C-alpha atoms as a PDB file:
ATOM      1  CA  UNK A   1      -0.108   0.107  -0.042  1.00  0.00           C
ATOM      2  CA  UNK A   2       1.218   3.747  -0.926  1.00  0.00           C
ATOM      3  CA  UNK A   3       0.265   6.652   0.179  1.00  0.00           C
ATOM      4  CA  UNK A   4      -0.520   9.048  -2.583  1.00  0.00           C
ATOM      5  CA  UNK A   5       1.503  12.880  -2.588  1.00  0.00           C
ATOM      6  CA  UNK A   6      -0.151  15.256  -4.252  1.00  0.00           C
ATOM      7  CA  UNK A   7       2.394  17.963  -5.676  1.00  0.00           C
ATOM      8  CA  UNK A   8       1.639  21.413  -5.465  1.00  0.00           C
ATOM      9  CA  UNK A   9       2.015  22.841  -8.716  1.00  0.00           C
ATOM     10  CA  UNK A  10       5.488  24.785  -8.986  1.00  0.00           C
ATOM     11  CA  UNK A  11       7.434  27.074 -11.433  1.00  0.00           C
ATOM     12  CA  UNK A  12      10.212  25.885 -13.168  1.00  0.00           C
ATOM     13  CA  UNK A  13      12.751  27.936 -11.426  1.00  0.00           C
ATOM     14  CA  UNK A  14      14.009  25.816  -8.301  1.00  0.00           C
ATOM     15  CA  UNK A  15      15.300  27.837  -5.370  1.00  0.00           C
ATOM     16  CA  UNK A  16      18.523  27.208  -6.130  1.00  0.00           C
ATOM     17  CA  UNK A  17      22.460  28.645  -4.927  1.00  0.00           C
ATOM     18  CA  UNK A  18      23.183  31.731  -7.429  1.00  0.00           C
ATOM     19  CA  UNK A  19      26.764  31.819  -6.650  1.00  0.00           C
ATOM     20  CA  UNK A  20      28.357  35.669  -6.693  1.00  0.00           C
ATOM     21  CA  UNK A  21      31.720  33.938  -7.930  1.00  0.00           C
ATOM     22  CA  UNK A  22      32.188  31.957 -11.159  1.00  0.00           C
ATOM     23  CA  UNK A  23      32.631  28.216  -9.654  1.00  0.00           C
ATOM     24  CA  UNK A  24      33.899  27.008 -13.142  1.00  0.00           C
ATOM     25  CA  UNK A  25      37.070  29.286 -12.731  1.00  0.00           C
ATOM     26  CA  UNK A  26      39.817  30.285 -10.361  1.00  0.00           C
ATOM     27  CA  UNK A  27      36.708  29.750  -7.516  1.00  0.00           C
ATOM     28  CA  UNK A  28      36.254  26.464  -8.270  1.00  0.00           C
ATOM     29  CA  UNK A  29      37.635  24.254  -5.722  1.00  0.00           C
ATOM     30  CA  UNK A  30      38.739  20.326  -4.948  1.00  0.00           C
ATOM     31  CA  UNK A  31      38.003  20.041  -1.027  1.00  0.00           C
ATOM     32  CA  UNK A  32      39.661  16.428   0.014  1.00  0.00           C
ATOM     33  CA  UNK A  33      38.500  15.774   3.620  1.00  0.00           C
ATOM     34  CA  UNK A  34      40.216  12.602   5.445  1.00  0.00           C
ATOM     35  CA  UNK A  35      40.015  10.746   9.040  1.00  0.00           C
ATOM     36  CA  UNK A  36      42.638   8.296   9.817  1.00  0.00           C
ATOM     37  CA  UNK A  37      44.441   6.881  12.830  1.00  0.00           C
ATOM     38  CA  UNK A  38      46.935   9.475  13.703  1.00  0.00           C
ATOM     39  CA  UNK A  39      50.735   8.956  12.770  1.00  0.00           C
ATOM     40  CA  UNK A  40      53.433  11.199  11.809  1.00  0.00           C
ATOM     41  CA  UNK A  41      53.953  12.597   8.028  1.00  0.00           C
ATOM     42  CA  UNK A  42      50.370  12.707   7.248  1.00  0.00           C
ATOM     43  CA  UNK A  43      50.559  16.128   6.484  1.00  0.00           C
ATOM     44  CA  UNK A  44      53.876  16.016   4.572  1.00  0.00           C
ATOM     45  CA  UNK A  45      52.243  13.138   2.430  1.00  0.00           C
ATOM     46  CA  UNK A  46      49.098  15.334   1.677  1.00  0.00           C
ATOM     47  CA  UNK A  47      50.983  18.814   0.864  1.00  0.00           C
ATOM     48  CA  UNK A  48      53.577  16.648  -1.274  1.00  0.00           C
ATOM     49  CA  UNK A  49      50.659  14.905  -3.099  1.00  0.00           C
ATOM     50  CA  UNK A  50      49.077  18.136  -3.761  1.00  0.00           C
ATOM     51  CA  UNK A  51      52.280  19.522  -5.118  1.00  0.00           C
ATOM     52  CA  UNK A  52      52.722  17.008  -7.176  1.00  0.00           C
ATOM     53  CA  UNK A  53      49.430  17.457  -9.018  1.00  0.00           C
ATOM     54  CA  UNK A  54      49.710  21.045  -8.971  1.00  0.00           C
ATOM     55  CA  UNK A  55      47.458  21.921  -6.626  1.00  0.00           C
ATOM     56  CA  UNK A  56      47.299  25.274  -5.334  1.00  0.00           C
ATOM     57  CA  UNK A  57      45.981  25.146  -1.721  1.00  0.00           C
ATOM     58  CA  UNK A  58      43.648  28.038  -0.495  1.00  0.00           C
ATOM     59  CA  UNK A  59      42.194  26.162   2.599  1.00  0.00           C
ATOM     60  CA  UNK A  60      44.402  23.681   5.193  1.00  0.00           C
ATOM     61  CA  UNK A  61      42.769  22.806   8.240  1.00  0.00           C
ATOM     62  CA  UNK A  62      43.829  19.937  10.853  1.00  0.00           C
ATOM     63  CA  UNK A  63      43.098  18.507  14.035  1.00  0.00           C
ATOM     64  CA  UNK A  64      44.793  15.688  16.118  1.00  0.00           C
ATOM     65  CA  UNK A  65      42.628  14.018  18.822  1.00  0.00           C
ATOM     66  CA  UNK A  66      44.250  12.596  21.638  1.00  0.00           C
ATOM     67  CA  UNK A  67      41.689  11.083  23.417  1.00  0.00           C
ATOM     68  CA  UNK A  68      40.826   8.837  19.889  1.00  0.00           C
ATOM     69  CA  UNK A  69      43.864   9.167  18.317  1.00  0.00           C
ATOM     70  CA  UNK A  70      42.695   9.746  15.431  1.00  0.00           C
ATOM     71  CA  UNK A  71      43.630  13.071  12.874  1.00  0.00           C
ATOM     72  CA  UNK A  72      41.056  15.151  10.563  1.00  0.00           C
ATOM     73  CA  UNK A  73      41.703  17.200   7.718  1.00  0.00           C
ATOM     74  CA  UNK A  74      40.378  19.131   5.368  1.00  0.00           C
ATOM     75  CA  UNK A  75      42.225  20.643   2.143  1.00  0.00           C
ATOM     76  CA  UNK A  76      40.626  23.167  -0.491  1.00  0.00           C
ATOM     77  CA  UNK A  77      42.634  23.571  -3.741  1.00  0.00           C
ATOM     78  CA  UNK A  78      42.144  25.514  -7.019  1.00  0.00           C
ATOM     79  CA  UNK A  79      40.670  23.250  -9.277  1.00  0.00           C
ATOM     80  CA  UNK A  80      42.228  25.453 -12.286  1.00  0.00           C
ATOM     81  CA  UNK A  81      45.587  24.251 -11.281  1.00  0.00           C
ATOM     82  CA  UNK A  82      45.368  20.665 -10.902  1.00  0.00           C
ATOM     83  CA  UNK A  83      46.779  19.177 -13.674  1.00  0.00           C
ATOM     84  CA  UNK A  84      45.107  15.850 -14.146  1.00  0.00           C
ATOM     85  CA  UNK A  85      41.488  14.964 -14.218  1.00  0.00           C
ATOM     86  CA  UNK A  86      39.340  14.727 -11.076  1.00  0.00           C
ATOM     87  CA  UNK A  87      38.874  10.888 -11.102  1.00  0.00           C
ATOM     88  CA  UNK A  88      42.854  10.521 -11.266  1.00  0.00           C
ATOM     89  CA  UNK A  89      42.920  12.433  -8.576  1.00  0.00           C
ATOM     90  CA  UNK A  90      41.016  10.481  -6.385  1.00  0.00           C
ATOM     91  CA  UNK A  91      42.408   6.980  -8.008  1.00  0.00           C
ATOM     92  CA  UNK A  92      46.080   8.290  -6.959  1.00  0.00           C
ATOM     93  CA  UNK A  93      45.081   9.540  -3.810  1.00  0.00           C
ATOM     94  CA  UNK A  94      43.527   6.275  -2.734  1.00  0.00           C
ATOM     95  CA  UNK A  95      46.613   4.508  -2.940  1.00  0.00           C
ATOM     96  CA  UNK A  96      47.905   6.986  -0.906  1.00  0.00           C
ATOM     97  CA  UNK A  97      45.182   6.896   1.867  1.00  0.00           C
ATOM     98  CA  UNK A  98      45.607   2.903   1.796  1.00  0.00           C
ATOM     99  CA  UNK A  99      48.946   3.713   3.214  1.00  0.00           C
ATOM    100  CA  UNK A 100      47.069   4.802   6.738  1.00  0.00           C
ATOM    101  CA  UNK A 101      45.212   1.380   7.029  1.00  0.00           C
ATOM    102  CA  UNK A 102      41.485   0.509   6.107  1.00  0.00           C
ATOM    103  CA  UNK A 103      39.841   2.261   8.983  1.00  0.00           C
ATOM    104  CA  UNK A 104      40.696   5.666   7.043  1.00  0.00           C
ATOM    105  CA  UNK A 105      37.684   7.714   5.665  1.00  0.00           C
ATOM    106  CA  UNK A 106      38.347  10.002   2.747  1.00  0.00           C
ATOM    107  CA  UNK A 107      36.779  11.756  -0.248  1.00  0.00           C
ATOM    108  CA  UNK A 108      37.717  14.397  -2.854  1.00  0.00           C
ATOM    109  CA  UNK A 109      34.634  16.791  -4.084  1.00  0.00           C
ATOM    110  CA  UNK A 110      34.147  19.174  -6.593  1.00  0.00           C
ATOM    111  CA  UNK A 111      32.551  22.578  -5.771  1.00  0.00           C
ATOM    112  CA  UNK A 112      31.643  22.648  -9.639  1.00  0.00           C
ATOM    113  CA  UNK A 113      29.090  20.273  -9.307  1.00  0.00           C
ATOM    114  CA  UNK A 114      25.792  21.109  -7.797  1.00  0.00           C
ATOM    115  CA  UNK A 115      24.365  20.053  -4.684  1.00  0.00           C
ATOM    116  CA  UNK A 116      21.087  19.039  -3.719  1.00  0.00           C
ATOM    117  CA  UNK A 117      18.809  19.451  -0.832  1.00  0.00           C
ATOM    118  CA  UNK A 118      15.369  18.293   0.085  1.00  0.00           C
ATOM    119  CA  UNK A 119      13.610  19.411   3.108  1.00  0.00           C
ATOM    120  CA  UNK A 120      11.047  17.722   5.056  1.00  0.00           C
ATOM    121  CA  UNK A 121       8.273  19.874   7.072  1.00  0.00           C
ATOM    122  CA  UNK A 122       5.320  19.906   8.780  1.00  0.00           C
ATOM    123  CA  UNK A 123       3.510  22.939  10.230  1.00  0.00           C
ATOM    124  CA  UNK A 124       6.192  25.686  11.532  1.00  0.00           C
ATOM    125  CA  UNK A 125       7.010  27.520   8.677  1.00  0.00           C
ATOM    126  CA  UNK A 126      10.530  29.393  10.179  1.00  0.00           C
ATOM    127  CA  UNK A 127      13.011  27.080   9.303  1.00  0.00           C
ATOM    128  CA  UNK A 128      11.632  26.458   5.979  1.00  0.00           C
ATOM    129  CA  UNK A 129      11.481  30.083   4.849  1.00  0.00           C
ATOM    130  CA  UNK A 130      15.002  30.615   6.136  1.00  0.00           C
ATOM    131  CA  UNK A 131      16.508  28.048   4.250  1.00  0.00           C
ATOM    132  CA  UNK A 132      14.033  28.952   1.045  1.00  0.00           C
ATOM    133  CA  UNK A 133      15.457  32.529   0.888  1.00  0.00           C
ATOM    134  CA  UNK A 134      18.920  31.516   1.794  1.00  0.00           C
ATOM    135  CA  UNK A 135      18.880  29.338  -1.487  1.00  0.00           C
ATOM    136  CA  UNK A 136      17.126  32.011  -3.627  1.00  0.00           C
ATOM    137  CA  UNK A 137      19.947  34.588  -2.622  1.00  0.00           C
ATOM    138  CA  UNK A 138      22.881  32.056  -3.344  1.00  0.00           C
ATOM    139  CA  UNK A 139      23.687  31.925  -0.055  1.00  0.00           C
ATOM    140  CA  UNK A 140      23.423  28.034   0.250  1.00  0.00           C
ATOM    141  CA  UNK A 141      25.799  25.997  -2.243  1.00  0.00           C
ATOM    142  CA  UNK A 142      23.063  23.946  -3.375  1.00  0.00           C
ATOM    143  CA  UNK A 143      19.205  23.907  -4.616  1.00  0.00           C
ATOM    144  CA  UNK A 144      16.314  22.975  -3.155  1.00  0.00           C
ATOM    145  CA  UNK A 145      15.100  20.041  -5.173  1.00  0.00           C
ATOM    146  CA  UNK A 146      11.912  19.390  -3.211  1.00  0.00           C
ATOM    147  CA  UNK A 147       9.692  19.836  -0.169  1.00  0.00           C
ATOM    148  CA  UNK A 148       7.776  17.376   1.608  1.00  0.00           C
ATOM    149  CA  UNK A 149       4.870  17.890   4.126  1.00  0.00           C
ATOM    150  CA  UNK A 150       3.097  15.506   6.568  1.00  0.00           C
ATOM    151  CA  UNK A 151       0.644  18.842   5.960  1.00  0.00           C
ATOM    152  CA  UNK A 152      -0.392  20.936   3.420  1.00  0.00           C
ATOM    153  CA  UNK A 153      -0.028  24.277   5.198  1.00  0.00           C
ATOM    154  CA  UNK A 154       3.602  25.319   4.092  1.00  0.00           C
ATOM    155  CA  UNK A 155       2.390  24.302   0.152  1.00  0.00           C
ATOM    156  CA  UNK A 156       1.596  27.476  -1.173  1.00  0.00           C
ATOM    157  CA  UNK A 157       4.546  29.328   0.812  1.00  0.00           C
ATOM    158  CA  UNK A 158       7.046  26.689  -1.051  1.00  0.00           C
ATOM    159  CA  UNK A 159       5.485  27.430  -4.477  1.00  0.00           C
ATOM    160  CA  UNK A 160       6.662  30.984  -4.281  1.00  0.00           C
ATOM    161  CA  UNK A 161       9.897  30.361  -4.408  1.00  0.00           C
ATOM    162  CA  UNK A 162       9.296  27.886  -7.472  1.00  0.00           C
ATOM    163  CA  UNK A 163      10.259  24.543  -5.533  1.00  0.00           C
ATOM    164  CA  UNK A 164       7.770  21.435  -5.495  1.00  0.00           C
ATOM    165  CA  UNK A 165       5.773  20.622  -2.288  1.00  0.00           C
ATOM    166  CA  UNK A 166       4.756  17.126  -2.024  1.00  0.00           C
ATOM    167  CA  UNK A 167       1.739  16.666   0.355  1.00  0.00           C
ATOM    168  CA  UNK A 168       2.111  13.034   1.984  1.00  0.00           C
ATOM    169  CA  UNK A 169      -0.806  12.019   4.049  1.00  0.00           C
ATOM    170  CA  UNK A 170       0.340  10.191   7.156  1.00  0.00           C
ATOM    171  CA  UNK A 171      -3.101   9.083   7.856  1.00  0.00           C
ATOM    172  CA  UNK A 172      -5.486   6.088   6.909  1.00  0.00           C
ATOM    173  CA  UNK A 173      -9.060   6.662   4.925  1.00  0.00           C
ATOM    174  CA  UNK A 174     -10.732   6.663   8.096  1.00  0.00           C
ATOM    175  CA  UNK A 175      -8.245   9.389   9.128  1.00  0.00           C
ATOM    176  CA  UNK A 176      -6.304   7.897  11.784  1.00  0.00           C
ATOM    177  CA  UNK A 177      -2.585   7.694  12.214  1.00  0.00           C
ATOM    178  CA  UNK A 178      -1.807   4.217  12.587  1.00  0.00           C
ATOM    179  CA  UNK A 179       1.415   2.027  12.267  1.00  0.00           C
ATOM    180  CA  UNK A 180       0.423   1.114   8.611  1.00  0.00           C
ATOM    181  CA  UNK A 181      -0.451   4.254   7.268  1.00  0.00           C
ATOM    182  CA  UNK A 182       2.878   5.566   8.501  1.00  0.00           C
ATOM    183  CA  UNK A 183       4.851   2.928   7.332  1.00  0.00           C
ATOM    184  CA  UNK A 184       3.356   3.525   3.791  1.00  0.00           C
ATOM    185  CA  UNK A 185       4.080   7.321   4.177  1.00  0.00           C
ATOM    186  CA  UNK A 186       7.275   6.791   4.875  1.00  0.00           C
ATOM    187  CA  UNK A 187       7.541   4.902   1.981  1.00  0.00           C
ATOM    188  CA  UNK A 188       6.224   7.502  -0.296  1.00  0.00           C
ATOM    189  CA  UNK A 189       8.780   9.860   1.691  1.00  0.00           C
ATOM    190  CA  UNK A 190      11.509   7.687   0.672  1.00  0.00           C
ATOM    191  CA  UNK A 191      10.634   7.275  -2.900  1.00  0.00           C
ATOM    192  CA  UNK A 192      10.343  10.831  -2.836  1.00  0.00           C
ATOM    193  CA  UNK A 193      13.395  11.662  -1.653  1.00  0.00           C
ATOM    194  CA  UNK A 194      15.545   9.079  -3.272  1.00  0.00           C
ATOM    195  CA  UNK A 195      14.498  10.274  -6.737  1.00  0.00           C
ATOM    196  CA  UNK A 196      16.199  13.041  -6.364  1.00  0.00           C
ATOM    197  CA  UNK A 197      19.617  11.769  -4.832  1.00  0.00           C
ATOM    198  CA  UNK A 198      20.195  14.780  -2.253  1.00  0.00           C
ATOM    199  CA  UNK A 199      23.502  15.608  -0.414  1.00  0.00           C
ATOM    200  CA  UNK A 200      21.237  16.817   2.153  1.00  0.00           C
ATOM    201  CA  UNK A 201      17.957  15.720   3.890  1.00  0.00           C
ATOM    202  CA  UNK A 202      16.942  18.561   5.927  1.00  0.00           C
ATOM    203  CA  UNK A 203      14.216  17.550   8.965  1.00  0.00           C
ATOM    204  CA  UNK A 204      12.803  21.501   8.960  1.00  0.00           C
ATOM    205  CA  UNK A 205      10.751  21.211  12.081  1.00  0.00           C
ATOM    206  CA  UNK A 206       9.185  17.661  10.866  1.00  0.00           C
ATOM    207  CA  UNK A 207       7.724  16.659  13.473  1.00  0.00           C
ATOM    208  CA  UNK A 208       7.642  13.289  12.616  1.00  0.00           C
ATOM    209  CA  UNK A 209      10.560  10.375  13.894  1.00  0.00           C
ATOM    210  CA  UNK A 210      12.263   8.826  11.249  1.00  0.00           C
ATOM    211  CA  UNK A 211      12.090   4.989  11.332  1.00  0.00           C
ATOM    212  CA  UNK A 212      15.325   3.305  11.956  1.00  0.00           C
ATOM    213  CA  UNK A 213      15.707   2.127   8.393  1.00  0.00           C
ATOM    214  CA  UNK A 214      15.893   5.489   6.733  1.00  0.00           C
ATOM    215  CA  UNK A 215      18.207   6.922   9.715  1.00  0.00           C
ATOM    216  CA  UNK A 216      20.598   3.847   8.286  1.00  0.00           C
ATOM    217  CA  UNK A 217      19.855   4.621   4.337  1.00  0.00           C
ATOM    218  CA  UNK A 218      20.079   8.575   4.848  1.00  0.00           C
ATOM    219  CA  UNK A 219      23.009   8.475   7.433  1.00  0.00           C
ATOM    220  CA  UNK A 220      25.527  11.272   7.226  1.00  0.00           C
ATOM    221  CA  UNK A 221      23.084  13.180   4.877  1.00  0.00           C
ATOM    222  CA  UNK A 222      19.914  13.591   7.421  1.00  0.00           C
ATOM    223  CA  UNK A 223      19.814  16.677   9.498  1.00  0.00           C
ATOM    224  CA  UNK A 224      17.460  17.828  12.355  1.00  0.00           C
ATOM    225  CA  UNK A 225      17.225  21.131  14.396  1.00  0.00           C
ATOM    226  CA  UNK A 226      15.454  20.988  17.821  1.00  0.00           C
ATOM    227  CA  UNK A 227      15.327  23.434  21.047  1.00  0.00           C
ATOM    228  CA  UNK A 228      18.274  22.795  23.372  1.00  0.00           C
ATOM    229  CA  UNK A 229      15.766  21.787  26.195  1.00  0.00           C
ATOM    230  CA  UNK A 230      16.240  18.565  25.803  1.00  0.00           C
ATOM    231  CA  UNK A 231      16.547  16.228  27.925  1.00  0.00           C
ATOM    232  CA  UNK A 232      15.098  18.375  30.630  1.00  0.00           C
ATOM    233  CA  UNK A 233      11.826  19.345  28.884  1.00  0.00           C
ATOM    234  CA  UNK A 234      10.793  16.442  26.843  1.00  0.00           C
ATOM    235  CA  UNK A 235       7.143  16.644  24.759  1.00  0.00           C
ATOM    236  CA  UNK A 236       4.877  19.269  23.965  1.00  0.00           C
ATOM    237  CA  UNK A 237       5.030  22.806  24.806  1.00  0.00           C
ATOM    238  CA  UNK A 238       8.982  22.858  25.909  1.00  0.00           C
ATOM    239  CA  UNK A 239       8.958  26.630  26.037  1.00  0.00           C
ATOM    240  CA  UNK A 240       6.006  26.564  28.576  1.00  0.00           C
ATOM    241  CA  UNK A 241       7.911  24.248  30.526  1.00  0.00           C
ATOM    242  CA  UNK A 242      11.052  25.818  30.140  1.00  0.00           C
ATOM    243  CA  UNK A 243       9.087  28.990  31.200  1.00  0.00           C
ATOM    244  CA  UNK A 244       7.755  27.359  34.493  1.00  0.00           C
ATOM    245  CA  UNK A 245      10.877  26.713  35.875  1.00  0.00           C
ATOM    246  CA  UNK A 246      12.782  30.196  35.160  1.00  0.00           C
ATOM    247  CA  UNK A 247      15.269  29.215  32.630  1.00  0.00           C
ATOM    248  CA  UNK A 248      18.040  31.614  31.981  1.00  0.00           C
ATOM    249  CA  UNK A 249      19.462  30.198  28.415  1.00  0.00           C
ATOM    250  CA  UNK A 250      17.788  29.079  25.364  1.00  0.00           C
ATOM    251  CA  UNK A 251      19.250  27.583  22.048  1.00  0.00           C
ATOM    252  CA  UNK A 252      19.045  25.400  19.471  1.00  0.00           C
ATOM    253  CA  UNK A 253      21.122  22.161  18.391  1.00  0.00           C
ATOM    254  CA  UNK A 254      21.611  20.936  14.961  1.00  0.00           C
ATOM    255  CA  UNK A 255      22.717  17.373  14.442  1.00  0.00           C
ATOM    256  CA  UNK A 256      22.962  14.405  12.008  1.00  0.00           C
ATOM    257  CA  UNK A 257      19.493  11.965  12.488  1.00  0.00           C
ATOM    258  CA  UNK A 258      20.630   8.459  13.994  1.00  0.00           C
ATOM    259  CA  UNK A 259      17.902   6.016  15.162  1.00  0.00           C
ATOM    260  CA  UNK A 260      18.773   7.154  18.667  1.00  0.00           C
ATOM    261  CA  UNK A 261      16.283   9.998  18.837  1.00  0.00           C
ATOM    262  CA  UNK A 262      17.961  13.411  19.013  1.00  0.00           C
ATOM    263  CA  UNK A 263      20.999  12.128  20.012  1.00  0.00           C
ATOM    264  CA  UNK A 264      23.201  12.381  16.434  1.00  0.00           C
ATOM    265  CA  UNK A 265      26.619  13.996  16.107  1.00  0.00           C
ATOM    266  CA  UNK A 266      25.870  17.290  16.926  1.00  0.00           C
ATOM    267  CA  UNK A 267      27.018  19.818  13.840  1.00  0.00           C
ATOM    268  CA  UNK A 268      26.256  23.005  15.482  1.00  0.00           C
ATOM    269  CA  UNK A 269      24.770  24.469  18.661  1.00  0.00           C
ATOM    270  CA  UNK A 270      24.235  28.358  19.725  1.00  0.00           C
ATOM    271  CA  UNK A 271      22.295  29.638  22.772  1.00  0.00           C
ATOM    272  CA  UNK A 272      20.800  33.138  24.067  1.00  0.00           C
ATOM    273  CA  UNK A 273      20.291  34.190  27.284  1.00  0.00           C
ATOM    274  CA  UNK A 274      16.764  35.283  28.876  1.00  0.00           C
ATOM    275  CA  UNK A 275      15.740  36.537  32.127  1.00  0.00           C
ATOM    276  CA  UNK A 276      12.371  36.840  33.948  1.00  0.00           C
ATOM    277  CA  UNK A 277      11.212  39.709  32.013  1.00  0.00           C
ATOM    278  CA  UNK A 278      10.668  37.528  29.163  1.00  0.00           C
ATOM    279  CA  UNK A 279       6.720  35.557  28.537  1.00  0.00           C
ATOM    280  CA  UNK A 280       6.763  32.296  26.548  1.00  0.00           C
ATOM    281  CA  UNK A 281       6.029  34.188  23.571  1.00  0.00           C
ATOM    282  CA  UNK A 282       9.402  36.172  23.759  1.00  0.00           C
ATOM    283  CA  UNK A 283      10.855  32.910  24.499  1.00  0.00           C
ATOM    284  CA  UNK A 284       9.473  30.729  21.494  1.00  0.00           C
ATOM    285  CA  UNK A 285       9.944  34.148  19.039  1.00  0.00           C
ATOM    286  CA  UNK A 286      13.798  33.780  20.108  1.00  0.00           C
ATOM    287  CA  UNK A 287      13.884  29.953  19.893  1.00  0.00           C
ATOM    288  CA  UNK A 288      12.722  30.530  16.376  1.00  0.00           C
ATOM    289  CA  UNK A 289      15.466  33.043  15.582  1.00  0.00           C
ATOM    290  CA  UNK A 290      18.389  30.734  16.967  1.00  0.00           C
ATOM    291  CA  UNK A 291      16.810  27.533  15.163  1.00  0.00           C
ATOM    292  CA  UNK A 292      17.150  29.113  11.624  1.00  0.00           C
ATOM    293  CA  UNK A 293      20.837  30.630  12.225  1.00  0.00           C
ATOM    294  CA  UNK A 294      22.019  27.183  13.604  1.00  0.00           C
ATOM    295  CA  UNK A 295      20.328  25.213  11.010  1.00  0.00           C
ATOM    296  CA  UNK A 296      21.486  27.360   8.306  1.00  0.00           C
ATOM    297  CA  UNK A 297      25.060  27.352   9.682  1.00  0.00           C
ATOM    298  CA  UNK A 298      25.052  23.549  10.060  1.00  0.00           C
ATOM    299  CA  UNK A 299      23.519  22.797   6.809  1.00  0.00           C
ATOM    300  CA  UNK A 300      25.890  25.116   5.121  1.00  0.00           C
ATOM    301  CA  UNK A 301      29.131  23.404   6.489  1.00  0.00           C
ATOM    302  CA  UNK A 302      28.039  20.368   5.863  1.00  0.00           C
ATOM    303  CA  UNK A 303      27.616  20.766   1.818  1.00  0.00           C
ATOM    304  CA  UNK A 304      30.804  22.540   2.002  1.00  0.00           C
ATOM    305  CA  UNK A 305      32.310  19.362   3.205  1.00  0.00           C
ATOM    306  CA  UNK A 306      33.498  21.037   6.828  1.00  0.00           C
ATOM    307  CA  UNK A 307      31.977  18.734   9.037  1.00  0.00           C
ATOM    308  CA  UNK A 308      33.941  15.101   9.467  1.00  0.00           C
ATOM    309  CA  UNK A 309      31.857  12.390  11.649  1.00  0.00           C
ATOM    310  CA  UNK A 310      33.894  10.054  13.983  1.00  0.00           C
ATOM    311  CA  UNK A 311      31.852   8.002  16.070  1.00  0.00           C
ATOM    312  CA  UNK A 312      29.056  10.190  18.305  1.00  0.00           C
ATOM    313  CA  UNK A 313      31.319  13.032  18.099  1.00  0.00           C
ATOM    314  CA  UNK A 314      32.319  15.454  14.666  1.00  0.00           C
ATOM    315  CA  UNK A 315      34.886  17.680  13.982  1.00  0.00           C
ATOM    316  CA  UNK A 316      33.921  20.885  11.866  1.00  0.00           C
ATOM    317  CA  UNK A 317      36.385  23.400  10.258  1.00  0.00           C
ATOM    318  CA  UNK A 318      33.693  26.422  10.247  1.00  0.00           C
END
């Protein structure tokens, strides 16, 4: 059984990154990210390799984690200075990475290759509005390919930016949200998402819990945002709970989605101070502001390959 998705008609222009510089020329980068067991000579080996292929390094960041014994790096080079094709760059670096053991994780990406994002939403619009606006202004290095909602409320807003909106019902014919209806709905969500092969699947205040199989399928790509009160104030009306307790800080957490609810590797966090004069409405407004900023930063860093995951932690070369 498949739950039908209702697509809201849209114009032919998607909310897309409009770069202020030309990624086909001097601003195009090849980005190398790597994590491996720490040892002597890694930086020298990478630097020598990049020099051998003519790579003009524009960014170089490193971190050695003493607790885990793991080394992390992100290197960006001008693509127009590299003297061999990208496929050959990857093939030659694979031989080098093998020297550091089978646990080594690495990739080389091309900023000239367009990236794609799919947004999952419910009824709250603040994160959706912010991300659509940023993409439309060229502030995100990706195209928003589609928005999927378990309610139709945000379809009109999405259409204003020329992005297809798919309403997937999470209720059955009887209007109830049972296990069978939810399973069928997530099957349809998966079908739509995977048709775009996105680089990120963003839960932009999507009030449904991803099933474990989707957490696994989209591991390292599914990104969530939530308020910072967890685990203290669980469930509905968290700001009302926090107000009753007289909290002094509110904030937001952006993290990768895992089967452990709201416990995936953290990408970004931020907080703002409040005091006794702030009402619940004030707290909600400030909470929304900080959620939009934290999610936008986290998504951008993910798309720019600045986030390296190791176990339950991340290293972010922001």
